[in-house]
N, C-alpha and C. Protein backbone atom coordinates (compact mmCIF):
# COMPACT_ATOMS: atom_id res chain seq x y z
N MET A 1 -1.10 12.74 -10.77
CA MET A 1 -1.30 11.42 -11.29
C MET A 1 -1.37 11.49 -12.82
N ILE A 2 -0.69 10.57 -13.49
CA ILE A 2 -0.71 10.52 -14.94
C ILE A 2 -1.78 9.52 -15.36
N THR A 3 -2.68 9.96 -16.19
CA THR A 3 -3.72 9.08 -16.73
C THR A 3 -3.22 8.52 -18.04
N PRO A 4 -3.13 7.20 -18.19
CA PRO A 4 -2.68 6.63 -19.45
C PRO A 4 -3.61 7.03 -20.59
N PRO A 5 -3.06 7.40 -21.73
CA PRO A 5 -3.89 7.76 -22.86
C PRO A 5 -4.59 6.53 -23.43
N ARG A 6 -5.70 6.75 -24.10
CA ARG A 6 -6.35 5.63 -24.79
C ARG A 6 -5.35 5.08 -25.80
N GLY A 7 -5.23 3.79 -25.83
CA GLY A 7 -4.26 3.19 -26.73
C GLY A 7 -2.84 3.24 -26.20
N GLY A 8 -2.65 3.74 -24.97
CA GLY A 8 -1.32 3.81 -24.38
C GLY A 8 -0.70 2.42 -24.29
N TYR A 9 0.58 2.40 -24.13
CA TYR A 9 1.33 1.14 -24.07
C TYR A 9 2.25 1.22 -22.86
N ALA A 10 2.20 0.22 -22.00
CA ALA A 10 2.99 0.25 -20.77
C ALA A 10 3.69 -1.08 -20.53
N LEU A 11 4.84 -0.99 -19.88
CA LEU A 11 5.62 -2.17 -19.52
C LEU A 11 6.05 -2.08 -18.06
N LEU A 12 6.15 -3.23 -17.44
CA LEU A 12 6.78 -3.38 -16.14
C LEU A 12 7.91 -4.38 -16.36
N VAL A 13 9.13 -3.97 -16.06
CA VAL A 13 10.29 -4.82 -16.33
C VAL A 13 11.06 -5.01 -15.03
N ARG A 14 11.30 -6.26 -14.68
CA ARG A 14 12.04 -6.61 -13.47
C ARG A 14 13.42 -7.12 -13.85
N PHE A 15 14.45 -6.52 -13.26
CA PHE A 15 15.83 -6.93 -13.49
C PHE A 15 16.39 -7.53 -12.21
N ALA A 16 16.92 -8.73 -12.28
CA ALA A 16 17.63 -9.36 -11.17
C ALA A 16 19.12 -9.22 -11.45
N LEU A 17 19.81 -8.48 -10.59
CA LEU A 17 21.22 -8.14 -10.82
C LEU A 17 22.16 -9.15 -10.18
N ARG A 18 23.33 -9.27 -10.78
CA ARG A 18 24.40 -10.07 -10.18
C ARG A 18 24.87 -9.36 -8.90
N ASP A 19 25.48 -10.12 -8.02
CA ASP A 19 26.01 -9.55 -6.78
C ASP A 19 26.98 -8.41 -7.11
N ALA A 20 26.83 -7.32 -6.41
CA ALA A 20 27.70 -6.14 -6.52
C ALA A 20 27.57 -5.39 -7.85
N ALA A 21 26.60 -5.74 -8.69
CA ALA A 21 26.44 -5.08 -9.98
C ALA A 21 25.60 -3.80 -9.89
N GLY A 22 24.96 -3.58 -8.75
CA GLY A 22 24.04 -2.46 -8.60
C GLY A 22 24.59 -1.11 -9.01
N PRO A 23 25.73 -0.67 -8.47
CA PRO A 23 26.23 0.66 -8.81
C PRO A 23 26.52 0.84 -10.31
N ALA A 24 27.12 -0.14 -10.94
CA ALA A 24 27.43 -0.03 -12.37
C ALA A 24 26.15 -0.06 -13.21
N PHE A 25 25.20 -0.92 -12.85
CA PHE A 25 23.92 -0.97 -13.55
C PHE A 25 23.19 0.36 -13.38
N ASP A 26 23.18 0.88 -12.17
CA ASP A 26 22.50 2.15 -11.90
C ASP A 26 23.11 3.30 -12.71
N ALA A 27 24.42 3.30 -12.89
CA ALA A 27 25.08 4.33 -13.70
C ALA A 27 24.64 4.23 -15.16
N LEU A 28 24.58 3.00 -15.68
CA LEU A 28 24.10 2.79 -17.04
C LEU A 28 22.66 3.26 -17.17
N VAL A 29 21.84 2.93 -16.21
CA VAL A 29 20.44 3.33 -16.21
C VAL A 29 20.30 4.85 -16.16
N ALA A 30 21.05 5.50 -15.30
CA ALA A 30 20.96 6.96 -15.15
C ALA A 30 21.26 7.66 -16.47
N ARG A 31 22.26 7.20 -17.17
CA ARG A 31 22.59 7.80 -18.46
C ARG A 31 21.44 7.61 -19.43
N THR A 32 20.90 6.40 -19.48
CA THR A 32 19.83 6.08 -20.42
C THR A 32 18.55 6.84 -20.08
N VAL A 33 18.19 6.89 -18.82
CA VAL A 33 16.97 7.59 -18.41
C VAL A 33 17.04 9.07 -18.80
N GLY A 34 18.18 9.69 -18.59
CA GLY A 34 18.33 11.09 -18.97
C GLY A 34 18.10 11.32 -20.45
N LEU A 35 18.62 10.44 -21.27
CA LEU A 35 18.45 10.56 -22.72
C LEU A 35 17.01 10.28 -23.14
N VAL A 36 16.38 9.30 -22.52
CA VAL A 36 14.97 9.01 -22.83
C VAL A 36 14.14 10.24 -22.53
N ARG A 37 14.30 10.80 -21.36
CA ARG A 37 13.49 11.95 -20.96
C ARG A 37 13.75 13.17 -21.84
N ALA A 38 14.97 13.33 -22.31
CA ALA A 38 15.32 14.50 -23.12
C ALA A 38 14.87 14.39 -24.57
N HIS A 39 14.75 13.17 -25.10
CA HIS A 39 14.58 13.01 -26.55
C HIS A 39 13.33 12.25 -26.98
N GLU A 40 12.48 11.85 -26.05
CA GLU A 40 11.34 11.03 -26.43
C GLU A 40 10.03 11.61 -25.88
N PRO A 41 9.42 12.53 -26.61
CA PRO A 41 8.16 13.10 -26.13
C PRO A 41 7.03 12.08 -26.01
N GLY A 42 7.11 10.98 -26.73
CA GLY A 42 6.08 9.94 -26.64
C GLY A 42 6.25 9.00 -25.46
N THR A 43 7.38 9.12 -24.77
CA THR A 43 7.59 8.34 -23.55
C THR A 43 7.11 9.20 -22.39
N LEU A 44 5.96 8.83 -21.84
CA LEU A 44 5.31 9.64 -20.81
C LEU A 44 5.92 9.41 -19.43
N VAL A 45 6.29 8.17 -19.14
CA VAL A 45 6.93 7.82 -17.86
C VAL A 45 8.00 6.78 -18.16
N TYR A 46 9.18 7.02 -17.61
CA TYR A 46 10.27 6.04 -17.69
C TYR A 46 10.92 6.06 -16.32
N ALA A 47 10.36 5.30 -15.40
CA ALA A 47 10.76 5.35 -14.00
C ALA A 47 11.45 4.06 -13.59
N VAL A 48 12.50 4.20 -12.81
CA VAL A 48 13.27 3.05 -12.33
C VAL A 48 13.23 3.06 -10.81
N HIS A 49 12.98 1.89 -10.24
CA HIS A 49 12.83 1.76 -8.79
C HIS A 49 13.72 0.65 -8.27
N THR A 50 14.16 0.80 -7.03
CA THR A 50 14.74 -0.33 -6.33
C THR A 50 13.57 -1.11 -5.72
N ALA A 51 13.82 -2.34 -5.38
CA ALA A 51 12.79 -3.19 -4.80
C ALA A 51 13.24 -3.61 -3.40
N ALA A 52 12.43 -4.43 -2.76
CA ALA A 52 12.80 -4.93 -1.42
C ALA A 52 14.13 -5.66 -1.46
N ALA A 53 14.37 -6.41 -2.53
CA ALA A 53 15.65 -7.09 -2.69
C ALA A 53 16.66 -6.08 -3.25
N PRO A 54 17.80 -5.89 -2.61
CA PRO A 54 18.74 -4.87 -3.07
C PRO A 54 19.31 -5.13 -4.46
N ALA A 55 19.27 -6.36 -4.93
CA ALA A 55 19.80 -6.68 -6.25
C ALA A 55 18.68 -6.77 -7.29
N GLU A 56 17.65 -5.98 -7.10
CA GLU A 56 16.53 -5.99 -8.03
C GLU A 56 16.18 -4.55 -8.41
N ARG A 57 15.86 -4.34 -9.69
CA ARG A 57 15.39 -3.05 -10.17
C ARG A 57 14.10 -3.29 -10.94
N ILE A 58 13.18 -2.34 -10.80
CA ILE A 58 11.90 -2.41 -11.50
C ILE A 58 11.77 -1.16 -12.36
N PHE A 59 11.50 -1.37 -13.64
CA PHE A 59 11.23 -0.26 -14.55
C PHE A 59 9.73 -0.20 -14.79
N TYR A 60 9.18 1.01 -14.78
CA TYR A 60 7.82 1.22 -15.23
C TYR A 60 7.92 2.17 -16.41
N GLU A 61 7.39 1.73 -17.55
CA GLU A 61 7.49 2.51 -18.78
C GLU A 61 6.08 2.73 -19.33
N LEU A 62 5.74 3.98 -19.59
CA LEU A 62 4.44 4.31 -20.16
C LEU A 62 4.66 5.15 -21.41
N TYR A 63 4.14 4.65 -22.51
CA TYR A 63 4.28 5.31 -23.80
C TYR A 63 2.93 5.80 -24.29
N ARG A 64 2.95 6.88 -25.05
CA ARG A 64 1.71 7.44 -25.60
C ARG A 64 0.94 6.38 -26.39
N ASP A 65 1.68 5.55 -27.12
CA ASP A 65 1.08 4.50 -27.94
C ASP A 65 2.19 3.53 -28.33
N ARG A 66 1.82 2.50 -29.03
CA ARG A 66 2.78 1.47 -29.45
C ARG A 66 3.86 2.07 -30.34
N GLU A 67 3.50 3.03 -31.17
CA GLU A 67 4.48 3.67 -32.07
C GLU A 67 5.56 4.41 -31.27
N ALA A 68 5.17 5.02 -30.16
CA ALA A 68 6.16 5.69 -29.31
C ALA A 68 7.13 4.67 -28.71
N PHE A 69 6.62 3.49 -28.37
CA PHE A 69 7.50 2.43 -27.86
C PHE A 69 8.47 1.98 -28.96
N VAL A 70 7.97 1.80 -30.17
CA VAL A 70 8.83 1.39 -31.29
C VAL A 70 9.92 2.46 -31.51
N PHE A 71 9.54 3.73 -31.47
CA PHE A 71 10.51 4.82 -31.60
C PHE A 71 11.57 4.70 -30.50
N HIS A 72 11.14 4.47 -29.27
CA HIS A 72 12.05 4.31 -28.12
C HIS A 72 13.06 3.19 -28.39
N GLU A 73 12.58 2.05 -28.82
CA GLU A 73 13.44 0.88 -29.03
C GLU A 73 14.47 1.11 -30.15
N ARG A 74 14.20 2.03 -31.06
CA ARG A 74 15.11 2.30 -32.18
C ARG A 74 16.24 3.26 -31.84
N GLN A 75 16.17 3.91 -30.69
CA GLN A 75 17.18 4.92 -30.35
C GLN A 75 18.53 4.27 -30.05
N THR A 76 19.58 4.90 -30.50
CA THR A 76 20.94 4.37 -30.31
C THR A 76 21.23 4.13 -28.83
N TYR A 77 20.89 5.06 -27.97
CA TYR A 77 21.18 4.92 -26.55
C TYR A 77 20.38 3.79 -25.91
N VAL A 78 19.20 3.49 -26.42
CA VAL A 78 18.43 2.35 -25.91
C VAL A 78 19.08 1.05 -26.38
N ARG A 79 19.47 0.99 -27.64
CA ARG A 79 20.15 -0.22 -28.14
C ARG A 79 21.46 -0.45 -27.39
N GLU A 80 22.16 0.62 -27.05
CA GLU A 80 23.40 0.48 -26.26
C GLU A 80 23.09 -0.06 -24.87
N PHE A 81 22.02 0.45 -24.24
CA PHE A 81 21.60 -0.06 -22.94
C PHE A 81 21.26 -1.55 -23.02
N LEU A 82 20.47 -1.92 -24.03
CA LEU A 82 20.06 -3.31 -24.18
C LEU A 82 21.26 -4.24 -24.38
N ALA A 83 22.26 -3.77 -25.10
CA ALA A 83 23.47 -4.57 -25.34
C ALA A 83 24.33 -4.68 -24.08
N ALA A 84 24.39 -3.61 -23.29
CA ALA A 84 25.29 -3.58 -22.13
C ALA A 84 24.69 -4.21 -20.88
N ARG A 85 23.38 -4.24 -20.76
CA ARG A 85 22.75 -4.67 -19.50
C ARG A 85 23.04 -6.11 -19.13
N GLY A 86 23.25 -6.97 -20.11
CA GLY A 86 23.46 -8.39 -19.85
C GLY A 86 24.63 -8.67 -18.91
N ALA A 87 25.64 -7.82 -18.94
CA ALA A 87 26.81 -8.02 -18.08
C ALA A 87 26.46 -7.88 -16.60
N PHE A 88 25.33 -7.24 -16.29
CA PHE A 88 24.95 -6.97 -14.90
C PHE A 88 23.85 -7.88 -14.38
N LEU A 89 23.27 -8.70 -15.26
CA LEU A 89 22.09 -9.48 -14.89
C LEU A 89 22.43 -10.92 -14.54
N ARG A 90 21.74 -11.47 -13.56
CA ARG A 90 21.94 -12.88 -13.23
C ARG A 90 20.93 -13.78 -13.94
N GLU A 91 19.90 -13.16 -14.56
CA GLU A 91 18.90 -13.90 -15.34
C GLU A 91 18.27 -12.91 -16.32
N PRO A 92 17.59 -13.41 -17.34
CA PRO A 92 16.94 -12.50 -18.28
C PRO A 92 15.89 -11.65 -17.58
N PRO A 93 15.66 -10.43 -18.09
CA PRO A 93 14.63 -9.58 -17.48
C PRO A 93 13.24 -10.22 -17.62
N GLU A 94 12.41 -9.89 -16.67
CA GLU A 94 11.02 -10.36 -16.68
C GLU A 94 10.17 -9.17 -17.15
N VAL A 95 9.54 -9.29 -18.32
CA VAL A 95 8.78 -8.19 -18.91
C VAL A 95 7.30 -8.51 -18.87
N THR A 96 6.52 -7.57 -18.37
CA THR A 96 5.07 -7.68 -18.36
C THR A 96 4.51 -6.51 -19.14
N VAL A 97 3.73 -6.79 -20.17
CA VAL A 97 3.06 -5.74 -20.92
C VAL A 97 1.76 -5.45 -20.20
N LEU A 98 1.52 -4.17 -19.94
CA LEU A 98 0.33 -3.75 -19.21
C LEU A 98 -0.65 -3.07 -20.16
N THR A 99 -1.91 -3.29 -19.94
CA THR A 99 -2.94 -2.65 -20.75
C THR A 99 -3.71 -1.65 -19.90
N PRO A 100 -3.61 -0.36 -20.23
CA PRO A 100 -4.36 0.64 -19.46
C PRO A 100 -5.86 0.37 -19.56
N VAL A 101 -6.55 0.52 -18.44
CA VAL A 101 -8.00 0.34 -18.44
C VAL A 101 -8.70 1.61 -17.98
């Protein structure tokens, strides 16, 4: 079990995909997840899950602190993901900021 650090920063992001977009979205995600894990020591967890609905993906992101999240958002591969994801979504992502307790 990972214990969130004091001052940690976490997000829960829900993506609703267009019909038949799952495989292409998942390929984009797989590339991005690999780069996040390889290059971001401040990103403690970057996990992607399928949900009960087959056209839904849930991201759980846990960062050491807000600065690690800012570093994450500045990476070229993250900006590329953010630019490309819209083609696969049927609505904007639903983002929930979580506060570790």
